[in-house]
Amino acid sequence: MSKPRFASVWLGGCSGCHMSFLDMDEWLFELAELVDVVYSPIVDVKEFPENVDITLVEGAVANEDNVEVARIVREHSRVVAAFGDCAVSTNVTGMRNPLGDPSTILERVYVDSPDRDQVIPEAAGIVPPLLPKVLPLHKVISVDFYMPGCPPSAAEIQRAIETLLSDDLRHGVTEDIRRG
């Protein structure tokens, strides 16, 4: 029997969830025996692969590139887990939503402030265009599991991955993973 194909993705967020993931320390060696890690910000794979069994997605959907990545993840993953509060509810990433139109925000930050270049990054092609509002992952693609926390602890992440890898779930039975 082949190992489940495992991926993790980082969208709009602080990377705290992946740092917490790395805090699993020795259990990462056990995980490496259980799964084939096919994509992650901590490996050098450039394109999201097909036929992924489990994908953890950290971060909110904040720009056009995030939308594209989220759709590719959903298309190529059997199970998608919203990983951390930004993916579940937008959390810190969504704090820009009440500030209004992204173009107005970018103008104020990069042109009206004492930025030395006074260049808006998306206009210069440095960053992708921002969405009108930051969205939680489930507003863009269907999500099978939710793992809240800012960030979830290493123990919670381990428990969630163990649950996702359990035989019942590998055969199509799903449930929400929530902190108790």
N, C-alpha and C. Protein backbone atom coordinates (compact mmCIF):
# COMPACT_ATOMS: atom_id res chain seq x y z
N MET A 1 0.85 -1.19 0.00
CA MET A 1 0.00 0.00 0.00
C MET A 1 0.89 1.24 0.00
N SER A 2 0.56 2.21 -0.85
CA SER A 2 1.36 3.43 -0.92
C SER A 2 0.97 4.39 0.21
N LYS A 3 1.90 5.25 0.51
CA LYS A 3 1.66 6.26 1.55
C LYS A 3 0.70 7.33 1.02
N PRO A 4 -0.11 7.91 1.92
CA PRO A 4 -0.94 9.05 1.50
C PRO A 4 -0.05 10.21 1.07
N ARG A 5 -0.49 10.92 0.04
CA ARG A 5 0.23 12.11 -0.44
C ARG A 5 -0.25 13.31 0.37
N PHE A 6 0.69 14.02 0.98
CA PHE A 6 0.40 15.08 1.94
C PHE A 6 0.99 16.40 1.44
N ALA A 7 0.22 17.48 1.62
CA ALA A 7 0.70 18.81 1.22
C ALA A 7 0.28 19.84 2.25
N SER A 8 1.01 20.93 2.29
CA SER A 8 0.59 22.10 3.06
C SER A 8 0.86 23.33 2.21
N VAL A 9 -0.03 24.33 2.37
CA VAL A 9 0.01 25.53 1.53
C VAL A 9 -0.10 26.74 2.44
N TRP A 10 0.59 27.81 2.08
CA TRP A 10 0.56 29.05 2.84
C TRP A 10 -0.01 30.14 1.93
N LEU A 11 -1.20 30.65 2.29
CA LEU A 11 -1.82 31.76 1.55
C LEU A 11 -1.54 33.06 2.31
N GLY A 12 -2.56 33.93 2.49
CA GLY A 12 -2.36 35.21 3.17
C GLY A 12 -2.38 35.06 4.68
N GLY A 13 -1.23 35.09 5.29
CA GLY A 13 -1.12 34.94 6.74
C GLY A 13 0.31 35.17 7.18
N CYS A 14 0.56 34.86 8.42
CA CYS A 14 1.85 35.20 9.03
C CYS A 14 2.87 34.06 9.03
N SER A 15 2.50 32.87 8.64
CA SER A 15 3.30 31.64 8.65
C SER A 15 3.38 31.00 10.03
N GLY A 16 2.65 31.54 11.00
CA GLY A 16 2.67 30.98 12.35
C GLY A 16 2.19 29.54 12.41
N CYS A 17 1.23 29.18 11.56
CA CYS A 17 0.72 27.80 11.56
C CYS A 17 1.81 26.84 11.10
N HIS A 18 2.58 27.22 10.08
CA HIS A 18 3.67 26.34 9.65
C HIS A 18 4.78 26.30 10.70
N MET A 19 5.00 27.39 11.42
CA MET A 19 5.99 27.36 12.49
C MET A 19 5.53 26.40 13.59
N SER A 20 4.24 26.43 13.92
CA SER A 20 3.67 25.51 14.90
C SER A 20 3.77 24.07 14.40
N PHE A 21 3.54 23.87 13.11
CA PHE A 21 3.70 22.56 12.48
C PHE A 21 5.11 22.04 12.72
N LEU A 22 6.10 22.89 12.52
CA LEU A 22 7.50 22.49 12.72
C LEU A 22 7.80 22.22 14.19
N ASP A 23 7.01 22.77 15.11
CA ASP A 23 7.19 22.53 16.54
C ASP A 23 6.82 21.11 16.95
N MET A 24 6.32 20.30 16.02
CA MET A 24 6.00 18.92 16.36
C MET A 24 7.27 18.10 16.57
N ASP A 25 8.42 18.69 16.30
CA ASP A 25 9.73 18.10 16.58
C ASP A 25 9.85 16.65 16.12
N GLU A 26 10.07 15.73 17.08
CA GLU A 26 10.34 14.34 16.74
C GLU A 26 9.19 13.69 15.97
N TRP A 27 7.94 14.14 16.19
CA TRP A 27 6.82 13.52 15.49
C TRP A 27 6.90 13.76 13.99
N LEU A 28 7.63 14.78 13.57
CA LEU A 28 7.81 15.01 12.14
C LEU A 28 8.51 13.81 11.48
N PHE A 29 9.42 13.15 12.22
CA PHE A 29 10.08 11.96 11.67
C PHE A 29 9.07 10.82 11.51
N GLU A 30 8.16 10.67 12.48
CA GLU A 30 7.10 9.67 12.36
C GLU A 30 6.19 10.00 11.18
N LEU A 31 5.83 11.29 11.05
CA LEU A 31 4.98 11.71 9.95
C LEU A 31 5.64 11.39 8.61
N ALA A 32 6.94 11.60 8.52
CA ALA A 32 7.66 11.32 7.27
C ALA A 32 7.60 9.84 6.91
N GLU A 33 7.44 8.99 7.90
CA GLU A 33 7.28 7.55 7.64
C GLU A 33 5.86 7.23 7.18
N LEU A 34 4.88 8.06 7.59
CA LEU A 34 3.47 7.80 7.31
C LEU A 34 2.98 8.37 5.99
N VAL A 35 3.58 9.47 5.54
CA VAL A 35 3.10 10.17 4.35
C VAL A 35 4.24 10.47 3.39
N ASP A 36 3.84 10.79 2.18
CA ASP A 36 4.77 11.29 1.17
C ASP A 36 4.48 12.79 1.04
N VAL A 37 5.38 13.64 1.55
CA VAL A 37 5.19 15.08 1.48
C VAL A 37 5.49 15.51 0.05
N VAL A 38 4.44 15.98 -0.64
CA VAL A 38 4.58 16.30 -2.06
C VAL A 38 4.58 17.79 -2.35
N TYR A 39 4.20 18.60 -1.35
CA TYR A 39 4.18 20.05 -1.56
C TYR A 39 4.12 20.74 -0.21
N SER A 40 4.87 21.82 -0.05
CA SER A 40 4.88 22.59 1.19
C SER A 40 5.78 23.80 1.00
N PRO A 41 5.57 24.87 1.79
CA PRO A 41 6.50 25.99 1.71
C PRO A 41 7.90 25.63 2.22
N ILE A 42 8.02 24.46 2.85
CA ILE A 42 9.33 24.07 3.37
C ILE A 42 10.02 23.05 2.46
N VAL A 43 9.47 22.79 1.27
CA VAL A 43 10.14 21.97 0.27
C VAL A 43 10.23 22.77 -1.03
N ASP A 44 11.05 22.33 -1.94
CA ASP A 44 11.31 23.12 -3.15
C ASP A 44 10.51 22.62 -4.35
N VAL A 45 9.20 22.46 -4.18
CA VAL A 45 8.33 22.07 -5.28
C VAL A 45 7.59 23.34 -5.74
N LYS A 46 7.61 23.63 -7.01
CA LYS A 46 7.06 24.89 -7.52
C LYS A 46 5.59 24.81 -7.92
N GLU A 47 5.12 23.65 -8.39
CA GLU A 47 3.74 23.52 -8.83
C GLU A 47 3.02 22.52 -7.96
N PHE A 48 1.78 22.85 -7.60
CA PHE A 48 0.99 21.95 -6.77
C PHE A 48 0.67 20.69 -7.57
N PRO A 49 0.99 19.51 -7.03
CA PRO A 49 0.81 18.27 -7.79
C PRO A 49 -0.64 17.78 -7.81
N GLU A 50 -0.89 16.82 -8.65
CA GLU A 50 -2.19 16.16 -8.71
C GLU A 50 -2.24 15.03 -7.70
N ASN A 51 -3.45 14.54 -7.43
CA ASN A 51 -3.67 13.36 -6.61
C ASN A 51 -3.10 13.47 -5.20
N VAL A 52 -3.37 14.57 -4.54
CA VAL A 52 -2.95 14.76 -3.15
C VAL A 52 -4.08 14.25 -2.26
N ASP A 53 -3.72 13.48 -1.25
CA ASP A 53 -4.75 12.94 -0.35
C ASP A 53 -5.20 13.96 0.69
N ILE A 54 -4.25 14.65 1.32
CA ILE A 54 -4.56 15.59 2.40
C ILE A 54 -3.76 16.87 2.19
N THR A 55 -4.45 18.02 2.20
CA THR A 55 -3.76 19.30 2.11
C THR A 55 -4.21 20.19 3.26
N LEU A 56 -3.24 20.70 4.02
CA LEU A 56 -3.48 21.71 5.04
C LEU A 56 -3.25 23.06 4.40
N VAL A 57 -4.22 23.97 4.51
CA VAL A 57 -4.09 25.30 3.92
C VAL A 57 -4.08 26.33 5.03
N GLU A 58 -2.96 27.02 5.17
CA GLU A 58 -2.80 28.10 6.14
C GLU A 58 -3.07 29.42 5.44
N GLY A 59 -3.74 30.33 6.12
CA GLY A 59 -3.90 31.69 5.62
C GLY A 59 -5.22 31.92 4.92
N ALA A 60 -5.57 33.19 4.86
CA ALA A 60 -6.81 33.63 4.21
C ALA A 60 -6.55 33.85 2.72
N VAL A 61 -7.62 34.05 1.99
CA VAL A 61 -7.55 34.33 0.56
C VAL A 61 -7.59 35.85 0.42
N ALA A 62 -6.43 36.45 0.13
CA ALA A 62 -6.29 37.90 0.15
C ALA A 62 -6.05 38.54 -1.21
N ASN A 63 -5.59 37.74 -2.18
CA ASN A 63 -5.28 38.31 -3.49
C ASN A 63 -5.61 37.32 -4.60
N GLU A 64 -5.46 37.76 -5.83
CA GLU A 64 -5.84 36.92 -6.97
C GLU A 64 -5.01 35.64 -7.05
N ASP A 65 -3.74 35.69 -6.70
CA ASP A 65 -2.92 34.48 -6.71
C ASP A 65 -3.44 33.47 -5.68
N ASN A 66 -3.87 33.96 -4.51
CA ASN A 66 -4.42 33.07 -3.48
C ASN A 66 -5.65 32.34 -4.01
N VAL A 67 -6.51 33.04 -4.75
CA VAL A 67 -7.71 32.41 -5.34
C VAL A 67 -7.29 31.29 -6.27
N GLU A 68 -6.34 31.55 -7.15
CA GLU A 68 -5.88 30.54 -8.10
C GLU A 68 -5.29 29.33 -7.39
N VAL A 69 -4.44 29.57 -6.40
CA VAL A 69 -3.82 28.46 -5.66
C VAL A 69 -4.90 27.65 -4.94
N ALA A 70 -5.84 28.33 -4.29
CA ALA A 70 -6.91 27.62 -3.57
C ALA A 70 -7.71 26.73 -4.52
N ARG A 71 -8.02 27.22 -5.68
CA ARG A 71 -8.80 26.42 -6.65
C ARG A 71 -8.00 25.21 -7.15
N ILE A 72 -6.72 25.40 -7.37
CA ILE A 72 -5.86 24.28 -7.79
C ILE A 72 -5.77 23.25 -6.67
N VAL A 73 -5.60 23.71 -5.43
CA VAL A 73 -5.54 22.81 -4.28
C VAL A 73 -6.82 21.98 -4.21
N ARG A 74 -7.97 22.63 -4.33
CA ARG A 74 -9.24 21.90 -4.23
C ARG A 74 -9.37 20.88 -5.36
N GLU A 75 -8.98 21.28 -6.55
CA GLU A 75 -9.09 20.40 -7.70
C GLU A 75 -8.20 19.16 -7.57
N HIS A 76 -7.04 19.32 -6.93
CA HIS A 76 -6.05 18.25 -6.86
C HIS A 76 -5.99 17.53 -5.52
N SER A 77 -6.86 17.89 -4.56
CA SER A 77 -6.80 17.29 -3.23
C SER A 77 -8.09 16.57 -2.89
N ARG A 78 -7.96 15.40 -2.31
CA ARG A 78 -9.14 14.67 -1.86
C ARG A 78 -9.71 15.31 -0.60
N VAL A 79 -8.84 15.70 0.35
CA VAL A 79 -9.26 16.33 1.60
C VAL A 79 -8.51 17.64 1.76
N VAL A 80 -9.26 18.72 2.01
CA VAL A 80 -8.66 20.04 2.27
C VAL A 80 -9.03 20.45 3.69
N ALA A 81 -8.02 20.83 4.47
CA ALA A 81 -8.24 21.29 5.84
C ALA A 81 -7.84 22.75 5.95
N ALA A 82 -8.77 23.60 6.43
CA ALA A 82 -8.45 24.99 6.75
C ALA A 82 -7.64 24.95 8.03
N PHE A 83 -6.43 25.45 7.99
CA PHE A 83 -5.39 25.25 9.00
C PHE A 83 -5.09 26.59 9.66
N GLY A 84 -5.68 26.85 10.85
CA GLY A 84 -5.45 28.10 11.57
C GLY A 84 -6.56 29.11 11.34
N ASP A 85 -6.62 30.10 12.24
CA ASP A 85 -7.72 31.07 12.23
C ASP A 85 -7.80 31.92 10.97
N CYS A 86 -6.68 32.23 10.33
CA CYS A 86 -6.77 33.04 9.10
C CYS A 86 -7.51 32.26 8.02
N ALA A 87 -7.23 30.97 7.87
CA ALA A 87 -7.93 30.16 6.87
C ALA A 87 -9.38 29.94 7.26
N VAL A 88 -9.65 29.82 8.56
CA VAL A 88 -11.01 29.54 9.04
C VAL A 88 -11.88 30.79 9.02
N SER A 89 -11.33 31.94 9.46
CA SER A 89 -12.17 33.15 9.64
C SER A 89 -11.56 34.44 9.11
N THR A 90 -10.44 34.44 8.52
CA THR A 90 -9.60 35.55 8.03
C THR A 90 -8.76 36.17 9.13
N ASN A 91 -9.18 36.12 10.37
CA ASN A 91 -8.42 36.58 11.54
C ASN A 91 -7.60 37.84 11.24
N VAL A 92 -6.31 37.82 11.48
CA VAL A 92 -5.46 39.01 11.35
C VAL A 92 -5.43 39.51 9.91
N THR A 93 -5.37 38.60 8.95
CA THR A 93 -5.31 39.00 7.55
C THR A 93 -6.53 39.83 7.15
N GLY A 94 -7.69 39.49 7.72
CA GLY A 94 -8.92 40.20 7.40
C GLY A 94 -9.07 41.54 8.08
N MET A 95 -8.10 41.94 8.88
CA MET A 95 -8.20 43.24 9.57
C MET A 95 -8.22 44.41 8.59
N ARG A 96 -7.82 44.18 7.35
CA ARG A 96 -7.87 45.27 6.36
C ARG A 96 -9.29 45.46 5.82
N ASN A 97 -10.17 44.48 5.99
CA ASN A 97 -11.52 44.57 5.40
C ASN A 97 -12.28 45.83 5.80
N PRO A 98 -12.30 46.22 7.07
CA PRO A 98 -13.07 47.43 7.43
C PRO A 98 -12.45 48.74 6.92
N LEU A 99 -11.21 48.67 6.42
CA LEU A 99 -10.53 49.89 5.98
C LEU A 99 -10.97 50.36 4.60
N GLY A 100 -11.75 49.51 3.91
CA GLY A 100 -12.28 49.94 2.62
C GLY A 100 -11.58 49.32 1.43
N ASP A 101 -11.72 49.99 0.31
CA ASP A 101 -11.20 49.53 -0.97
C ASP A 101 -9.68 49.35 -0.91
N PRO A 102 -9.16 48.22 -1.36
CA PRO A 102 -7.71 47.99 -1.32
C PRO A 102 -6.90 49.04 -2.08
N SER A 103 -7.42 49.56 -3.19
CA SER A 103 -6.65 50.55 -3.94
C SER A 103 -6.46 51.83 -3.12
N THR A 104 -7.47 52.21 -2.35
CA THR A 104 -7.35 53.38 -1.47
C THR A 104 -6.33 53.12 -0.38
N ILE A 105 -6.36 51.94 0.19
CA ILE A 105 -5.40 51.58 1.24
C ILE A 105 -3.98 51.60 0.69
N LEU A 106 -3.77 50.99 -0.47
CA LEU A 106 -2.43 50.95 -1.06
C LEU A 106 -1.94 52.35 -1.40
N GLU A 107 -2.83 53.20 -1.89
CA GLU A 107 -2.47 54.59 -2.21
C GLU A 107 -1.99 55.31 -0.94
N ARG A 108 -2.73 55.15 0.14
CA ARG A 108 -2.37 55.81 1.40
C ARG A 108 -1.05 55.28 1.95
N VAL A 109 -0.84 53.97 1.85
CA VAL A 109 0.35 53.36 2.43
C VAL A 109 1.60 53.63 1.60
N TYR A 110 1.49 53.53 0.27
CA TYR A 110 2.69 53.60 -0.57
C TYR A 110 2.92 54.94 -1.25
N VAL A 111 1.88 55.72 -1.47
CA VAL A 111 2.06 56.98 -2.18
C VAL A 111 2.00 58.16 -1.22
N ASP A 112 1.01 58.18 -0.35
CA ASP A 112 0.82 59.31 0.56
C ASP A 112 1.75 59.28 1.76
N SER A 113 2.36 58.14 2.04
CA SER A 113 3.26 58.03 3.20
C SER A 113 4.68 58.32 2.77
N PRO A 114 5.59 58.36 3.70
CA PRO A 114 6.98 58.70 3.34
C PRO A 114 7.76 57.53 2.73
N ASP A 115 7.09 56.65 1.98
CA ASP A 115 7.80 55.57 1.29
C ASP A 115 8.77 56.20 0.29
N ARG A 116 9.97 55.73 0.24
CA ARG A 116 10.95 56.40 -0.60
C ARG A 116 10.67 56.26 -2.09
N ASP A 117 10.06 55.13 -2.52
CA ASP A 117 9.80 54.95 -3.95
C ASP A 117 8.42 55.44 -4.36
N GLN A 118 7.48 55.47 -3.44
CA GLN A 118 6.09 55.85 -3.69
C GLN A 118 5.50 55.06 -4.88
N VAL A 119 5.75 53.75 -4.86
CA VAL A 119 5.25 52.86 -5.90
C VAL A 119 4.34 51.84 -5.24
N ILE A 120 3.15 51.67 -5.79
CA ILE A 120 2.23 50.67 -5.28
C ILE A 120 2.70 49.31 -5.79
N PRO A 121 2.97 48.35 -4.89
CA PRO A 121 3.57 47.07 -5.30
C PRO A 121 2.78 46.32 -6.37
N GLU A 122 1.44 46.31 -6.32
CA GLU A 122 0.70 45.56 -7.34
C GLU A 122 0.76 46.27 -8.69
N ALA A 123 0.84 47.61 -8.68
CA ALA A 123 0.96 48.34 -9.94
C ALA A 123 2.32 48.09 -10.58
N ALA A 124 3.31 47.82 -9.74
CA ALA A 124 4.66 47.55 -10.24
C ALA A 124 4.87 46.07 -10.56
N GLY A 125 3.82 45.25 -10.36
CA GLY A 125 3.94 43.82 -10.63
C GLY A 125 4.69 43.06 -9.55
N ILE A 126 4.91 43.69 -8.40
CA ILE A 126 5.64 43.04 -7.30
C ILE A 126 4.75 42.08 -6.54
N VAL A 127 3.51 42.44 -6.31
CA VAL A 127 2.55 41.57 -5.64
C VAL A 127 1.29 41.48 -6.50
N PRO A 128 0.54 40.37 -6.37
CA PRO A 128 -0.69 40.25 -7.15
C PRO A 128 -1.76 41.20 -6.65
N PRO A 129 -2.72 41.54 -7.50
CA PRO A 129 -3.80 42.43 -7.08
C PRO A 129 -4.57 41.86 -5.88
N LEU A 130 -4.85 42.76 -4.93
CA LEU A 130 -5.62 42.38 -3.74
C LEU A 130 -7.09 42.19 -4.11
N LEU A 131 -7.75 41.29 -3.40
CA LEU A 131 -9.19 41.15 -3.55
C LEU A 131 -9.88 42.31 -2.84
N PRO A 132 -11.10 42.64 -3.20
CA PRO A 132 -11.82 43.72 -2.50
C PRO A 132 -11.92 43.47 -1.00
N LYS A 133 -12.07 42.20 -0.60
CA LYS A 133 -12.10 41.82 0.82
C LYS A 133 -11.34 40.51 0.97
N VAL A 134 -10.66 40.38 2.10
CA VAL A 134 -10.01 39.12 2.45
C VAL A 134 -11.11 38.12 2.79
N LEU A 135 -10.96 36.89 2.31
CA LEU A 135 -11.98 35.87 2.50
C LEU A 135 -11.42 34.66 3.24
N PRO A 136 -12.25 34.01 4.08
CA PRO A 136 -11.81 32.73 4.63
C PRO A 136 -11.82 31.69 3.50
N LEU A 137 -11.04 30.66 3.65
CA LEU A 137 -10.87 29.67 2.60
C LEU A 137 -12.20 29.08 2.11
N HIS A 138 -13.12 28.81 3.03
CA HIS A 138 -14.38 28.16 2.64
C HIS A 138 -15.29 29.04 1.78
N LYS A 139 -15.00 30.33 1.67
CA LYS A 139 -15.77 31.21 0.78
C LYS A 139 -15.28 31.10 -0.67
N VAL A 140 -14.13 30.45 -0.88
CA VAL A 140 -13.55 30.32 -2.22
C VAL A 140 -13.62 28.87 -2.72
N ILE A 141 -13.37 27.91 -1.83
CA ILE A 141 -13.43 26.49 -2.18
C ILE A 141 -14.13 25.73 -1.07
N SER A 142 -14.57 24.52 -1.36
CA SER A 142 -15.14 23.70 -0.30
C SER A 142 -14.01 23.18 0.58
N VAL A 143 -14.29 23.16 1.87
CA VAL A 143 -13.32 22.73 2.88
C VAL A 143 -13.91 21.54 3.61
N ASP A 144 -13.08 20.52 3.83
CA ASP A 144 -13.54 19.30 4.49
C ASP A 144 -13.34 19.32 6.00
N PHE A 145 -12.32 20.01 6.48
CA PHE A 145 -11.99 20.05 7.90
C PHE A 145 -11.57 21.46 8.30
N TYR A 146 -11.81 21.78 9.56
CA TYR A 146 -11.42 23.08 10.11
C TYR A 146 -10.55 22.83 11.33
N MET A 147 -9.37 23.48 11.35
CA MET A 147 -8.45 23.39 12.46
C MET A 147 -8.18 24.81 12.95
N PRO A 148 -9.05 25.34 13.86
CA PRO A 148 -8.85 26.70 14.32
C PRO A 148 -7.65 26.81 15.26
N GLY A 149 -7.28 28.04 15.55
CA GLY A 149 -6.17 28.35 16.44
C GLY A 149 -5.28 29.37 15.80
N CYS A 150 -4.64 30.18 16.62
CA CYS A 150 -3.77 31.24 16.10
C CYS A 150 -2.43 31.24 16.83
N PRO A 151 -1.58 30.33 16.41
CA PRO A 151 -1.80 29.17 15.56
C PRO A 151 -2.30 28.00 16.39
N PRO A 152 -2.78 26.95 15.74
CA PRO A 152 -3.08 25.74 16.50
C PRO A 152 -1.77 25.24 17.11
N SER A 153 -1.84 24.63 18.26
CA SER A 153 -0.62 24.11 18.90
C SER A 153 -0.10 22.92 18.12
N ALA A 154 1.16 22.60 18.34
CA ALA A 154 1.75 21.42 17.70
C ALA A 154 0.96 20.17 18.06
N ALA A 155 0.52 20.05 19.30
CA ALA A 155 -0.27 18.88 19.72
C ALA A 155 -1.60 18.82 18.98
N GLU A 156 -2.24 19.97 18.77
CA GLU A 156 -3.51 20.00 18.02
C GLU A 156 -3.29 19.63 16.56
N ILE A 157 -2.22 20.12 15.98
CA ILE A 157 -1.91 19.80 14.59
C ILE A 157 -1.64 18.30 14.45
N GLN A 158 -0.85 17.76 15.37
CA GLN A 158 -0.57 16.33 15.34
C GLN A 158 -1.85 15.52 15.45
N ARG A 159 -2.72 15.89 16.40
CA ARG A 159 -3.98 15.18 16.57
C ARG A 159 -4.82 15.24 15.30
N ALA A 160 -4.88 16.41 14.68
CA ALA A 160 -5.66 16.56 13.45
C ALA A 160 -5.10 15.70 12.33
N ILE A 161 -3.79 15.72 12.15
CA ILE A 161 -3.18 14.92 11.08
C ILE A 161 -3.40 13.44 11.35
N GLU A 162 -3.24 13.01 12.60
CA GLU A 162 -3.50 11.61 12.94
C GLU A 162 -4.95 11.24 12.61
N THR A 163 -5.88 12.13 12.90
CA THR A 163 -7.28 11.89 12.59
C THR A 163 -7.50 11.81 11.08
N LEU A 164 -6.88 12.74 10.36
CA LEU A 164 -7.02 12.74 8.90
C LEU A 164 -6.42 11.48 8.27
N LEU A 165 -5.41 10.93 8.92
CA LEU A 165 -4.76 9.73 8.39
C LEU A 165 -5.43 8.44 8.84
N SER A 166 -6.38 8.54 9.76
CA SER A 166 -7.02 7.33 10.27
C SER A 166 -7.73 6.58 9.15
N ASP A 167 -7.85 5.29 9.30
CA ASP A 167 -8.45 4.45 8.26
C ASP A 167 -9.86 4.89 7.88
N ASP A 168 -10.71 5.24 8.88
CA ASP A 168 -12.07 5.65 8.57
C ASP A 168 -12.08 6.86 7.64
N LEU A 169 -11.24 7.85 7.95
CA LEU A 169 -11.24 9.06 7.14
C LEU A 169 -10.61 8.82 5.78
N ARG A 170 -9.65 7.93 5.70
CA ARG A 170 -9.02 7.65 4.41
C ARG A 170 -10.00 6.95 3.48
N HIS A 171 -11.08 6.42 4.06
CA HIS A 171 -12.08 5.76 3.22
C HIS A 171 -13.34 6.59 3.06
N GLY A 172 -13.26 7.91 3.28
CA GLY A 172 -14.34 8.80 2.91
C GLY A 172 -15.23 9.31 4.03
N VAL A 173 -15.05 8.88 5.27
CA VAL A 173 -15.86 9.39 6.36
C VAL A 173 -15.24 10.70 6.83
N THR A 174 -16.05 11.77 6.95
CA THR A 174 -15.50 13.07 7.34
C THR A 174 -16.18 13.61 8.57
N GLU A 175 -15.45 14.46 9.29
CA GLU A 175 -15.98 15.17 10.45
C GLU A 175 -15.15 16.43 10.64
N ASP A 176 -15.70 17.41 11.31
CA ASP A 176 -14.93 18.61 11.60
C ASP A 176 -13.92 18.32 12.71
N ILE A 177 -12.77 18.91 12.59
CA ILE A 177 -11.78 18.85 13.66
C ILE A 177 -11.81 20.21 14.33
N ARG A 178 -12.23 20.22 15.56
CA ARG A 178 -12.34 21.49 16.29
C ARG A 178 -11.68 21.33 17.65
N ARG A 179 -11.13 22.43 18.14
CA ARG A 179 -10.54 22.38 19.47
C ARG A 179 -11.65 22.15 20.48
N GLY A 180 -11.38 21.28 21.43
CA GLY A 180 -12.38 20.95 22.44
C GLY A 180 -12.13 21.74 23.62
